[in-house]
Amino acid sequence: MGNEKLICFATAHPSKFPDVINKALDTNYLPIAATHRSIEKARRLCEKVYLCDHSHLEEALKHAMETNWDLTKGI
């Protein structure tokens, strides 16, 4: 555990991109299906930006998958 690395892939909720949704729907308001309480609440909090160097991400991911292939066989 302790030194293991983890890569998480996730999809984004539409309410994180209100301008894109509004433009796509040619409207000035988000439909209820494109909103979420937790995201609306988070909009009122302080915003932090973290910049990361991803230039070697693909290479590192391939290496991790290749070196751990035996652990994931049959899953």
Protein backbone atom coordinates (compact mmCIF):
# COMPACT_ATOMS: atom_id res chain seq x y z
CA MET A 1 0.00 0.00 0.00
CA GLY A 2 1.85 3.17 1.13
CA ASN A 3 3.92 3.71 -2.02
CA GLU A 4 1.40 2.42 -4.56
CA LYS A 5 0.24 4.83 -7.22
CA LEU A 6 -3.37 5.21 -8.30
CA ILE A 7 -4.80 6.71 -11.47
CA CYS A 8 -8.50 7.55 -11.44
CA PHE A 9 -10.52 8.27 -14.54
CA ALA A 10 -13.84 10.01 -14.15
CA THR A 11 -16.47 11.71 -16.24
CA ALA A 12 -17.61 15.22 -15.53
CA HIS A 13 -21.11 16.22 -14.48
CA PRO A 14 -22.71 18.61 -17.01
CA SER A 15 -23.28 21.25 -14.35
CA LYS A 16 -19.52 21.76 -14.16
CA PHE A 17 -19.72 23.29 -17.65
CA PRO A 18 -22.76 25.58 -17.65
CA ASP A 19 -21.50 27.81 -20.48
CA VAL A 20 -20.99 24.83 -22.79
CA ILE A 21 -24.39 23.36 -21.93
CA ASN A 22 -26.15 26.71 -22.39
CA LYS A 23 -24.48 27.23 -25.76
CA ALA A 24 -25.29 23.69 -26.91
CA LEU A 25 -28.94 24.11 -25.93
CA ASP A 26 -29.09 27.71 -27.19
CA THR A 27 -30.47 28.91 -23.87
CA ASN A 28 -29.51 31.12 -20.92
CA TYR A 29 -30.48 28.70 -18.15
CA LEU A 30 -29.51 25.17 -17.19
CA PRO A 31 -32.25 22.56 -17.20
CA ILE A 32 -32.75 20.86 -13.83
CA ALA A 33 -31.14 17.68 -15.20
CA ALA A 34 -27.90 19.61 -15.73
CA THR A 35 -27.62 20.81 -12.13
CA HIS A 36 -26.44 19.13 -8.96
CA ARG A 37 -26.71 20.39 -5.35
CA SER A 38 -23.11 19.58 -4.41
CA ILE A 39 -21.69 21.33 -7.46
CA GLU A 40 -23.89 24.38 -6.98
CA LYS A 41 -22.73 24.54 -3.34
CA ALA A 42 -19.08 24.16 -4.40
CA ARG A 43 -19.42 27.15 -6.74
CA ARG A 44 -19.75 29.37 -3.66
CA LEU A 45 -16.54 28.07 -2.08
CA CYS A 46 -13.00 29.28 -2.66
CA GLU A 47 -11.44 28.02 -5.85
CA LYS A 48 -7.99 26.44 -5.90
CA VAL A 49 -6.04 25.66 -9.02
CA TYR A 50 -3.46 22.89 -9.17
CA LEU A 51 -1.28 22.67 -12.25
CA CYS A 52 0.39 19.35 -12.97
CA ASP A 53 2.93 18.29 -15.55
CA HIS A 54 1.23 15.54 -17.55
CA SER A 55 3.86 15.26 -20.26
CA HIS A 56 4.87 11.74 -19.20
CA LEU A 57 1.43 10.48 -18.14
CA GLU A 58 0.82 8.21 -21.13
CA GLU A 59 4.26 6.61 -20.81
CA ALA A 60 3.85 6.14 -17.05
CA LEU A 61 0.36 4.63 -17.47
CA LYS A 62 1.57 2.13 -20.08
CA HIS A 63 4.51 1.19 -17.87
CA ALA A 64 2.26 0.69 -14.83
CA MET A 65 -0.14 -1.47 -16.82
CA GLU A 66 2.65 -3.58 -18.31
CA THR A 67 4.46 -4.13 -15.01
CA ASN A 68 1.23 -5.04 -13.18
CA TRP A 69 -0.37 -7.13 -15.92
CA ASP A 70 0.06 -10.38 -13.94
CA LEU A 71 -1.89 -8.87 -11.04
CA THR A 72 -4.90 -8.06 -13.21
CA LYS A 73 -5.19 -11.18 -15.40
CA GLY A 74 -8.57 -12.80 -15.18
CA ILE A 75 -10.29 -9.82 -13.63
